[in-house]
Amino acid sequence: MRPVIPLKTNKMLARTASPMDEVLYYLELKNQYYEKFQQMTRKFLDKASQNHWDGLDFFVENRERVLKIIQYFDHKIATVLKTIPAGTTDVEAYREQVRSIMKRRQILGQSIVQLDLELMGKLDEVRNETIRELKKTQDMGHKLGSYNGSPEPEKRRVKAA
């Protein structure tokens, strides 16, 4: 995992960095939160693989929180980009940094999708097993009912007539 970038206030960024440096800062922060998202998912998947599903609600809530933080950074980036007059920034000076950050984001995104697919597979396995167990229980109930001497529905109708 990359080192954590210390959180700066908007005033600190405004005094020490260009608008593009601020954009790069928020892009890096987004990647850090994508990494957190990935790590949370991997940890929960490891627990789920051992059939430990406690904490599912907490896991889902935390993922939602991280996504909201990422959306906040998107908003901050959009706000900063609106302040940059067209043609005033040397785009080439930042191109490689942005490309590197976005490449890392793509790798994280692919990893997160793969982990989510694995997790959905585990959830499907549990759901299918639960359905099988319910069917077995229901079938067993029907069999027990027929052994305890209760007449079948057709026999009851014949006796009633």
N, C-alpha and C. Protein backbone atom coordinates (compact mmCIF):
# COMPACT_ATOMS: atom_id res chain seq x y z
N MET A 1 0.83 -1.18 0.00
CA MET A 1 0.00 0.00 0.00
C MET A 1 0.88 1.24 0.00
N ARG A 2 0.43 2.24 -0.70
CA ARG A 2 1.18 3.49 -0.77
C ARG A 2 1.11 4.24 0.55
N PRO A 3 2.09 5.12 0.82
CA PRO A 3 2.03 5.90 2.06
C PRO A 3 0.83 6.84 2.03
N VAL A 4 0.28 7.09 3.20
CA VAL A 4 -0.89 7.95 3.30
C VAL A 4 -0.46 9.40 3.13
N ILE A 5 -1.18 10.11 2.29
CA ILE A 5 -0.92 11.54 2.09
C ILE A 5 -1.61 12.28 3.21
N PRO A 6 -0.90 13.11 3.96
CA PRO A 6 -1.57 13.83 5.05
C PRO A 6 -2.65 14.75 4.48
N LEU A 7 -3.78 14.78 5.15
CA LEU A 7 -4.90 15.59 4.70
C LEU A 7 -4.59 17.05 4.98
N LYS A 8 -4.69 17.86 3.95
CA LYS A 8 -4.46 19.30 4.07
C LYS A 8 -5.80 20.00 3.96
N THR A 9 -5.88 21.14 4.55
CA THR A 9 -7.10 21.93 4.40
C THR A 9 -7.04 22.66 3.07
N ASN A 10 -8.17 23.15 2.63
CA ASN A 10 -8.20 23.91 1.38
C ASN A 10 -7.31 25.14 1.46
N LYS A 11 -7.25 25.78 2.63
CA LYS A 11 -6.41 26.97 2.79
C LYS A 11 -4.94 26.61 2.63
N MET A 12 -4.52 25.48 3.20
CA MET A 12 -3.13 25.05 3.06
C MET A 12 -2.81 24.76 1.61
N LEU A 13 -3.70 24.10 0.91
CA LEU A 13 -3.47 23.79 -0.50
C LEU A 13 -3.40 25.06 -1.32
N ALA A 14 -4.28 26.00 -1.03
CA ALA A 14 -4.33 27.24 -1.81
C ALA A 14 -3.03 28.03 -1.65
N ARG A 15 -2.42 27.98 -0.46
CA ARG A 15 -1.18 28.72 -0.23
C ARG A 15 0.04 28.02 -0.80
N THR A 16 -0.01 26.69 -0.91
CA THR A 16 1.22 25.96 -1.23
C THR A 16 1.23 25.29 -2.59
N ALA A 17 0.09 25.28 -3.29
CA ALA A 17 0.06 24.48 -4.52
C ALA A 17 -0.74 25.18 -5.61
N SER A 18 -0.43 24.79 -6.84
CA SER A 18 -1.21 25.27 -7.97
C SER A 18 -2.52 24.49 -8.00
N PRO A 19 -3.51 24.98 -8.74
CA PRO A 19 -4.76 24.20 -8.84
C PRO A 19 -4.53 22.78 -9.35
N MET A 20 -3.63 22.58 -10.27
CA MET A 20 -3.37 21.23 -10.77
C MET A 20 -2.71 20.36 -9.70
N ASP A 21 -1.87 20.96 -8.86
CA ASP A 21 -1.30 20.19 -7.75
C ASP A 21 -2.41 19.75 -6.80
N GLU A 22 -3.40 20.61 -6.62
CA GLU A 22 -4.55 20.27 -5.78
C GLU A 22 -5.35 19.12 -6.40
N VAL A 23 -5.51 19.16 -7.71
CA VAL A 23 -6.21 18.07 -8.41
C VAL A 23 -5.45 16.77 -8.23
N LEU A 24 -4.14 16.81 -8.40
CA LEU A 24 -3.32 15.61 -8.22
C LEU A 24 -3.44 15.08 -6.79
N TYR A 25 -3.46 15.99 -5.84
CA TYR A 25 -3.61 15.62 -4.44
C TYR A 25 -4.91 14.85 -4.23
N TYR A 26 -6.02 15.36 -4.76
CA TYR A 26 -7.32 14.69 -4.59
C TYR A 26 -7.37 13.37 -5.38
N LEU A 27 -6.72 13.32 -6.53
CA LEU A 27 -6.66 12.06 -7.27
C LEU A 27 -5.92 10.99 -6.47
N GLU A 28 -4.84 11.38 -5.82
CA GLU A 28 -4.09 10.44 -4.98
C GLU A 28 -4.93 9.99 -3.79
N LEU A 29 -5.65 10.93 -3.19
CA LEU A 29 -6.52 10.56 -2.07
C LEU A 29 -7.59 9.57 -2.53
N LYS A 30 -8.15 9.81 -3.71
CA LYS A 30 -9.14 8.87 -4.23
C LYS A 30 -8.54 7.47 -4.35
N ASN A 31 -7.33 7.39 -4.87
CA ASN A 31 -6.69 6.08 -5.00
C ASN A 31 -6.49 5.43 -3.64
N GLN A 32 -6.14 6.22 -2.62
CA GLN A 32 -5.98 5.66 -1.29
C GLN A 32 -7.29 5.07 -0.79
N TYR A 33 -8.40 5.73 -1.09
CA TYR A 33 -9.69 5.20 -0.65
C TYR A 33 -10.13 4.01 -1.49
N TYR A 34 -9.74 3.98 -2.75
CA TYR A 34 -9.99 2.77 -3.54
C TYR A 34 -9.20 1.60 -2.95
N GLU A 35 -7.98 1.87 -2.49
CA GLU A 35 -7.19 0.82 -1.85
C GLU A 35 -7.87 0.34 -0.57
N LYS A 36 -8.41 1.26 0.22
CA LYS A 36 -9.13 0.88 1.43
C LYS A 36 -10.34 0.01 1.06
N PHE A 37 -11.03 0.41 0.03
CA PHE A 37 -12.21 -0.33 -0.45
C PHE A 37 -11.80 -1.74 -0.83
N GLN A 38 -10.71 -1.85 -1.55
CA GLN A 38 -10.19 -3.15 -1.98
C GLN A 38 -9.79 -4.00 -0.77
N GLN A 39 -9.10 -3.42 0.18
CA GLN A 39 -8.65 -4.16 1.35
C GLN A 39 -9.83 -4.64 2.19
N MET A 40 -10.83 -3.78 2.37
CA MET A 40 -12.02 -4.19 3.12
C MET A 40 -12.69 -5.37 2.46
N THR A 41 -12.81 -5.30 1.14
CA THR A 41 -13.47 -6.37 0.40
C THR A 41 -12.66 -7.66 0.51
N ARG A 42 -11.35 -7.56 0.36
CA ARG A 42 -10.51 -8.75 0.46
C ARG A 42 -10.62 -9.39 1.85
N LYS A 43 -10.59 -8.58 2.89
CA LYS A 43 -10.70 -9.12 4.25
C LYS A 43 -12.05 -9.80 4.46
N PHE A 44 -13.11 -9.16 3.99
CA PHE A 44 -14.43 -9.77 4.18
C PHE A 44 -14.56 -11.05 3.35
N LEU A 45 -14.02 -11.04 2.16
CA LEU A 45 -14.05 -12.24 1.31
C LEU A 45 -13.31 -13.39 1.98
N ASP A 46 -12.18 -13.09 2.61
CA ASP A 46 -11.44 -14.12 3.34
C ASP A 46 -12.29 -14.71 4.46
N LYS A 47 -13.00 -13.85 5.19
CA LYS A 47 -13.89 -14.34 6.25
C LYS A 47 -15.03 -15.16 5.66
N ALA A 48 -15.60 -14.67 4.57
CA ALA A 48 -16.73 -15.37 3.93
C ALA A 48 -16.28 -16.73 3.39
N SER A 49 -15.07 -16.82 2.94
CA SER A 49 -14.55 -18.09 2.43
C SER A 49 -14.47 -19.14 3.53
N GLN A 50 -14.38 -18.69 4.77
CA GLN A 50 -14.37 -19.59 5.92
C GLN A 50 -15.77 -19.70 6.54
N ASN A 51 -16.76 -19.22 5.79
CA ASN A 51 -18.16 -19.26 6.20
C ASN A 51 -18.44 -18.43 7.46
N HIS A 52 -17.72 -17.32 7.60
CA HIS A 52 -17.95 -16.37 8.70
C HIS A 52 -18.61 -15.13 8.09
N TRP A 53 -19.90 -15.04 8.28
CA TRP A 53 -20.67 -13.95 7.67
C TRP A 53 -21.05 -12.87 8.66
N ASP A 54 -20.60 -13.00 9.89
CA ASP A 54 -20.90 -11.94 10.84
C ASP A 54 -20.20 -10.66 10.39
N GLY A 55 -20.85 -9.56 10.58
CA GLY A 55 -20.28 -8.28 10.15
C GLY A 55 -20.65 -7.89 8.73
N LEU A 56 -21.57 -8.61 8.10
CA LEU A 56 -21.96 -8.27 6.73
C LEU A 56 -22.54 -6.86 6.65
N ASP A 57 -23.42 -6.52 7.58
CA ASP A 57 -24.03 -5.18 7.58
C ASP A 57 -22.96 -4.11 7.76
N PHE A 58 -22.04 -4.35 8.68
CA PHE A 58 -20.96 -3.40 8.94
C PHE A 58 -20.09 -3.23 7.69
N PHE A 59 -19.80 -4.33 7.04
CA PHE A 59 -19.01 -4.32 5.81
C PHE A 59 -19.69 -3.47 4.74
N VAL A 60 -20.97 -3.69 4.53
CA VAL A 60 -21.73 -2.95 3.51
C VAL A 60 -21.77 -1.46 3.85
N GLU A 61 -22.01 -1.14 5.12
CA GLU A 61 -22.05 0.26 5.55
C GLU A 61 -20.71 0.95 5.34
N ASN A 62 -19.63 0.27 5.67
CA ASN A 62 -18.29 0.85 5.48
C ASN A 62 -17.99 1.09 4.01
N ARG A 63 -18.39 0.14 3.16
CA ARG A 63 -18.17 0.33 1.72
C ARG A 63 -18.92 1.58 1.24
N GLU A 64 -20.14 1.74 1.73
CA GLU A 64 -20.93 2.92 1.34
C GLU A 64 -20.24 4.20 1.81
N ARG A 65 -19.69 4.20 3.00
CA ARG A 65 -18.97 5.38 3.50
C ARG A 65 -17.78 5.71 2.61
N VAL A 66 -17.01 4.70 2.26
CA VAL A 66 -15.83 4.93 1.42
C VAL A 66 -16.26 5.48 0.06
N LEU A 67 -17.32 4.94 -0.51
CA LEU A 67 -17.80 5.45 -1.81
C LEU A 67 -18.23 6.90 -1.71
N LYS A 68 -18.83 7.29 -0.59
CA LYS A 68 -19.24 8.69 -0.41
C LYS A 68 -18.01 9.60 -0.30
N ILE A 69 -16.98 9.12 0.35
CA ILE A 69 -15.74 9.90 0.44
C ILE A 69 -15.14 10.08 -0.95
N ILE A 70 -15.14 9.02 -1.74
CA ILE A 70 -14.62 9.10 -3.11
C ILE A 70 -15.44 10.09 -3.93
N GLN A 71 -16.75 10.07 -3.76
CA GLN A 71 -17.61 11.03 -4.47
C GLN A 71 -17.29 12.46 -4.04
N TYR A 72 -16.99 12.65 -2.76
CA TYR A 72 -16.62 13.96 -2.26
C TYR A 72 -15.35 14.45 -2.97
N PHE A 73 -14.37 13.57 -3.11
CA PHE A 73 -13.14 13.96 -3.81
C PHE A 73 -13.42 14.29 -5.27
N ASP A 74 -14.35 13.56 -5.90
CA ASP A 74 -14.75 13.90 -7.28
C ASP A 74 -15.29 15.32 -7.34
N HIS A 75 -16.11 15.65 -6.36
CA HIS A 75 -16.69 17.00 -6.31
C HIS A 75 -15.59 18.05 -6.13
N LYS A 76 -14.63 17.77 -5.24
CA LYS A 76 -13.53 18.71 -5.01
C LYS A 76 -12.70 18.89 -6.29
N ILE A 77 -12.45 17.81 -7.00
CA ILE A 77 -11.67 17.89 -8.24
C ILE A 77 -12.42 18.74 -9.26
N ALA A 78 -13.71 18.50 -9.41
CA ALA A 78 -14.52 19.26 -10.37
C ALA A 78 -14.52 20.75 -10.00
N THR A 79 -14.62 21.05 -8.72
CA THR A 79 -14.63 22.44 -8.27
C THR A 79 -13.30 23.12 -8.60
N VAL A 80 -12.20 22.45 -8.34
CA VAL A 80 -10.89 23.03 -8.63
C VAL A 80 -10.70 23.20 -10.13
N LEU A 81 -11.10 22.20 -10.92
CA LEU A 81 -10.93 22.30 -12.38
C LEU A 81 -11.71 23.47 -12.96
N LYS A 82 -12.85 23.81 -12.36
CA LYS A 82 -13.64 24.95 -12.84
C LYS A 82 -12.92 26.28 -12.62
N THR A 83 -12.00 26.32 -11.66
CA THR A 83 -11.29 27.57 -11.36
C THR A 83 -10.10 27.82 -12.29
N ILE A 84 -9.73 26.82 -13.06
CA ILE A 84 -8.56 26.95 -13.93
C ILE A 84 -9.00 27.52 -15.27
N PRO A 85 -8.57 28.73 -15.60
CA PRO A 85 -8.92 29.29 -16.91
C PRO A 85 -8.30 28.47 -18.04
N ALA A 86 -9.04 28.31 -19.11
CA ALA A 86 -8.58 27.53 -20.26
C ALA A 86 -7.28 28.10 -20.80
N GLY A 87 -6.34 27.21 -21.07
CA GLY A 87 -5.07 27.58 -21.67
C GLY A 87 -4.05 28.15 -20.70
N THR A 88 -4.36 28.20 -19.40
CA THR A 88 -3.40 28.78 -18.46
C THR A 88 -2.50 27.75 -17.79
N THR A 89 -2.81 26.48 -17.95
CA THR A 89 -2.02 25.43 -17.31
C THR A 89 -1.29 24.64 -18.37
N ASP A 90 -0.04 24.36 -18.10
CA ASP A 90 0.76 23.54 -19.00
C ASP A 90 0.37 22.08 -18.75
N VAL A 91 -0.55 21.59 -19.58
CA VAL A 91 -1.09 20.24 -19.41
C VAL A 91 0.01 19.20 -19.51
N GLU A 92 0.95 19.39 -20.37
CA GLU A 92 2.03 18.42 -20.55
C GLU A 92 2.83 18.21 -19.27
N ALA A 93 2.95 19.24 -18.45
CA ALA A 93 3.73 19.13 -17.22
C ALA A 93 3.09 18.15 -16.24
N TYR A 94 1.80 17.92 -16.37
CA TYR A 94 1.07 17.06 -15.43
C TYR A 94 0.63 15.73 -16.05
N ARG A 95 0.78 15.61 -17.34
CA ARG A 95 0.25 14.44 -18.04
C ARG A 95 0.74 13.11 -17.46
N GLU A 96 2.03 12.98 -17.23
CA GLU A 96 2.58 11.70 -16.73
C GLU A 96 2.08 11.39 -15.32
N GLN A 97 2.00 12.40 -14.48
CA GLN A 97 1.50 12.17 -13.13
C GLN A 97 0.04 11.70 -13.16
N VAL A 98 -0.77 12.36 -13.96
CA VAL A 98 -2.18 11.98 -14.06
C VAL A 98 -2.28 10.58 -14.65
N ARG A 99 -1.51 10.30 -15.67
CA ARG A 99 -1.53 8.98 -16.30
C ARG A 99 -1.16 7.88 -15.29
N SER A 100 -0.14 8.13 -14.49
CA SER A 100 0.29 7.17 -13.48
C SER A 100 -0.81 6.94 -12.43
N ILE A 101 -1.43 8.00 -11.98
CA ILE A 101 -2.51 7.89 -10.99
C ILE A 101 -3.68 7.13 -11.58
N MET A 102 -4.03 7.43 -12.80
CA MET A 102 -5.18 6.78 -13.44
C MET A 102 -4.89 5.32 -13.75
N LYS A 103 -3.65 5.00 -14.07
CA LYS A 103 -3.28 3.61 -14.30
C LYS A 103 -3.44 2.81 -13.01
N ARG A 104 -3.00 3.40 -11.90
CA ARG A 104 -3.16 2.75 -10.60
C ARG A 104 -4.64 2.57 -10.29
N ARG A 105 -5.45 3.57 -10.59
CA ARG A 105 -6.90 3.48 -10.34
C ARG A 105 -7.51 2.36 -11.16
N GLN A 106 -7.09 2.21 -12.40
CA GLN A 106 -7.61 1.15 -13.26
C GLN A 106 -7.29 -0.22 -12.67
N ILE A 107 -6.06 -0.39 -12.20
CA ILE A 107 -5.66 -1.66 -11.59
C ILE A 107 -6.49 -1.94 -10.34
N LEU A 108 -6.69 -0.91 -9.52
CA LEU A 108 -7.50 -1.08 -8.32
C LEU A 108 -8.94 -1.43 -8.68
N GLY A 109 -9.47 -0.75 -9.68
CA GLY A 109 -10.84 -1.01 -10.12
C GLY A 109 -11.02 -2.44 -10.60
N GLN A 110 -10.09 -2.92 -11.38
CA GLN A 110 -10.17 -4.30 -11.87
C GLN A 110 -10.10 -5.30 -10.71
N SER A 111 -9.24 -5.02 -9.77
CA SER A 111 -9.11 -5.89 -8.61
C SER A 111 -10.40 -5.89 -7.78
N ILE A 112 -10.98 -4.72 -7.58
CA ILE A 112 -12.23 -4.61 -6.82
C ILE A 112 -13.35 -5.37 -7.51
N VAL A 113 -13.45 -5.23 -8.82
CA VAL A 113 -14.49 -5.96 -9.56
C VAL A 113 -14.30 -7.46 -9.41
N GLN A 114 -13.07 -7.93 -9.51
CA GLN A 114 -12.79 -9.36 -9.35
C GLN A 114 -13.17 -9.84 -7.96
N LEU A 115 -12.79 -9.08 -6.94
CA LEU A 115 -13.15 -9.45 -5.57
C LEU A 115 -14.66 -9.47 -5.37
N ASP A 116 -15.33 -8.47 -5.93
CA ASP A 116 -16.80 -8.41 -5.81
C ASP A 116 -17.46 -9.60 -6.50
N LEU A 117 -16.93 -10.00 -7.64
CA LEU A 117 -17.48 -11.18 -8.32
C LEU A 117 -17.29 -12.43 -7.47
N GLU A 118 -16.13 -12.56 -6.84
CA GLU A 118 -15.90 -13.70 -5.96
C GLU A 118 -16.85 -13.67 -4.77
N LEU A 119 -17.05 -12.49 -4.22
CA LEU A 119 -17.94 -12.35 -3.07
C LEU A 119 -19.38 -12.67 -3.46
N MET A 120 -19.81 -12.21 -4.62
CA MET A 120 -21.16 -12.54 -5.08
C MET A 120 -21.30 -14.04 -5.29
N GLY A 121 -20.26 -14.69 -5.76
CA GLY A 121 -20.29 -16.14 -5.91
C GLY A 121 -20.47 -16.83 -4.56
N LYS A 122 -19.75 -16.34 -3.55
CA LYS A 122 -19.89 -16.91 -2.20
C LYS A 122 -21.31 -16.69 -1.68
N LEU A 123 -21.86 -15.51 -1.91
CA LEU A 123 -23.24 -15.22 -1.47
C LEU A 123 -24.22 -16.15 -2.17
N ASP A 124 -24.01 -16.39 -3.46
CA ASP A 124 -24.88 -17.31 -4.20
C ASP A 124 -24.79 -18.72 -3.63
N GLU A 125 -23.58 -19.17 -3.30
CA GLU A 125 -23.40 -20.49 -2.71
C GLU A 125 -24.19 -20.62 -1.42
N VAL A 126 -24.09 -19.60 -0.56
CA VAL A 126 -24.81 -19.63 0.71
C VAL A 126 -26.31 -19.62 0.48
N ARG A 127 -26.76 -18.79 -0.44
CA ARG A 127 -28.20 -18.72 -0.76
C ARG A 127 -28.70 -20.08 -1.28
N ASN A 128 -27.96 -20.66 -2.19
CA ASN A 128 -28.37 -21.96 -2.75
C ASN A 128 -28.38 -23.05 -1.68
N GLU A 129 -27.39 -23.04 -0.81
CA GLU A 129 -27.35 -24.02 0.27
C GLU A 129 -28.53 -23.82 1.22
N THR A 130 -28.86 -22.59 1.50
CA THR A 130 -30.01 -22.29 2.37
C THR A 130 -31.31 -22.79 1.73
N ILE A 131 -31.46 -22.58 0.44
CA ILE A 131 -32.66 -23.06 -0.28
C ILE A 131 -32.73 -24.59 -0.23
N ARG A 132 -31.59 -25.26 -0.45
CA ARG A 132 -31.56 -26.72 -0.37
C ARG A 132 -31.96 -27.20 1.02
N GLU A 133 -31.43 -26.56 2.04
CA GLU A 133 -31.76 -26.95 3.41
C GLU A 133 -33.24 -26.73 3.71
N LEU A 134 -33.80 -25.63 3.22
CA LEU A 134 -35.23 -25.38 3.44
C LEU A 134 -36.08 -26.43 2.74
N LYS A 135 -35.70 -26.80 1.53
CA LYS A 135 -36.44 -27.84 0.81
C LYS A 135 -36.37 -29.17 1.54
N LYS A 136 -35.17 -29.52 2.05
CA LYS A 136 -35.02 -30.77 2.81
C LYS A 136 -35.93 -30.74 4.04
N THR A 137 -35.93 -29.62 4.73
CA THR A 137 -36.75 -29.49 5.93
C THR A 137 -38.23 -29.62 5.59
N GLN A 138 -38.63 -28.97 4.51
CA GLN A 138 -40.02 -29.05 4.08
C GLN A 138 -40.39 -30.48 3.67
N ASP A 139 -39.54 -31.14 2.91
CA ASP A 139 -39.79 -32.53 2.51
C ASP A 139 -39.86 -33.43 3.73
N MET A 140 -38.98 -33.22 4.67
CA MET A 140 -38.98 -34.04 5.88
C MET A 140 -40.28 -33.82 6.65
N GLY A 141 -40.76 -32.61 6.69
CA GLY A 141 -42.03 -32.32 7.37
C GLY A 141 -43.18 -33.05 6.71
N HIS A 142 -43.21 -33.08 5.39
CA HIS A 142 -44.26 -33.81 4.67
C HIS A 142 -44.17 -35.31 4.95
N LYS A 143 -42.97 -35.86 4.96
CA LYS A 143 -42.79 -37.29 5.21
C LYS A 143 -43.21 -37.65 6.64
N LEU A 144 -42.82 -36.82 7.58
CA LEU A 144 -43.20 -37.07 8.97
C LEU A 144 -44.71 -36.98 9.14
N GLY A 145 -45.32 -36.06 8.45
CA GLY A 145 -46.78 -35.92 8.51
C GLY A 145 -47.48 -37.15 7.99
N SER A 146 -46.94 -37.76 6.98
CA SER A 146 -47.58 -38.96 6.42
C SER A 146 -47.37 -40.18 7.32
N TYR A 147 -46.32 -40.19 8.13
CA TYR A 147 -46.06 -41.31 9.02
C TYR A 147 -46.82 -41.21 10.35
N ASN A 148 -47.25 -40.03 10.72
CA ASN A 148 -47.87 -39.92 12.04
C ASN A 148 -49.36 -40.26 12.02
N GLY A 149 -49.82 -40.85 10.93
CA GLY A 149 -51.18 -41.35 10.88
C GLY A 149 -52.20 -40.37 10.36
N SER A 150 -51.82 -39.20 9.98
CA SER A 150 -52.82 -38.29 9.44
C SER A 150 -53.17 -38.71 8.03
N PRO A 151 -54.47 -38.76 7.75
CA PRO A 151 -54.89 -39.21 6.42
C PRO A 151 -54.46 -38.21 5.35
N GLU A 152 -54.28 -38.74 4.17
CA GLU A 152 -53.94 -37.88 3.04
C GLU A 152 -55.16 -37.07 2.67
N PRO A 153 -54.99 -35.92 2.01
CA PRO A 153 -56.12 -35.04 1.69
C PRO A 153 -57.24 -35.74 0.94
N GLU A 154 -56.93 -36.64 -0.02
CA GLU A 154 -57.99 -37.31 -0.78
C GLU A 154 -58.79 -38.26 0.12
N LYS A 155 -58.15 -38.94 1.05
CA LYS A 155 -58.84 -39.87 1.95
C LYS A 155 -59.78 -39.10 2.87
N ARG A 156 -59.37 -37.89 3.29
CA ARG A 156 -60.24 -37.09 4.15
C ARG A 156 -61.50 -36.69 3.41
N ARG A 157 -61.37 -36.34 2.12
CA ARG A 157 -62.54 -35.94 1.35
C ARG A 157 -63.50 -37.11 1.16
N VAL A 158 -62.97 -38.31 0.95
CA VAL A 158 -63.81 -39.49 0.75
C VAL A 158 -64.60 -39.79 2.03
N LYS A 159 -63.97 -39.72 3.19
CA LYS A 159 -64.63 -39.98 4.44
C LYS A 159 -65.72 -38.95 4.73
N ALA A 160 -65.47 -37.72 4.32
CA ALA A 160 -66.43 -36.64 4.58
C ALA A 160 -67.68 -36.82 3.73
N ALA A 161 -67.61 -37.47 2.60
CA ALA A 161 -68.75 -37.61 1.70
C ALA A 161 -69.65 -38.69 2.08
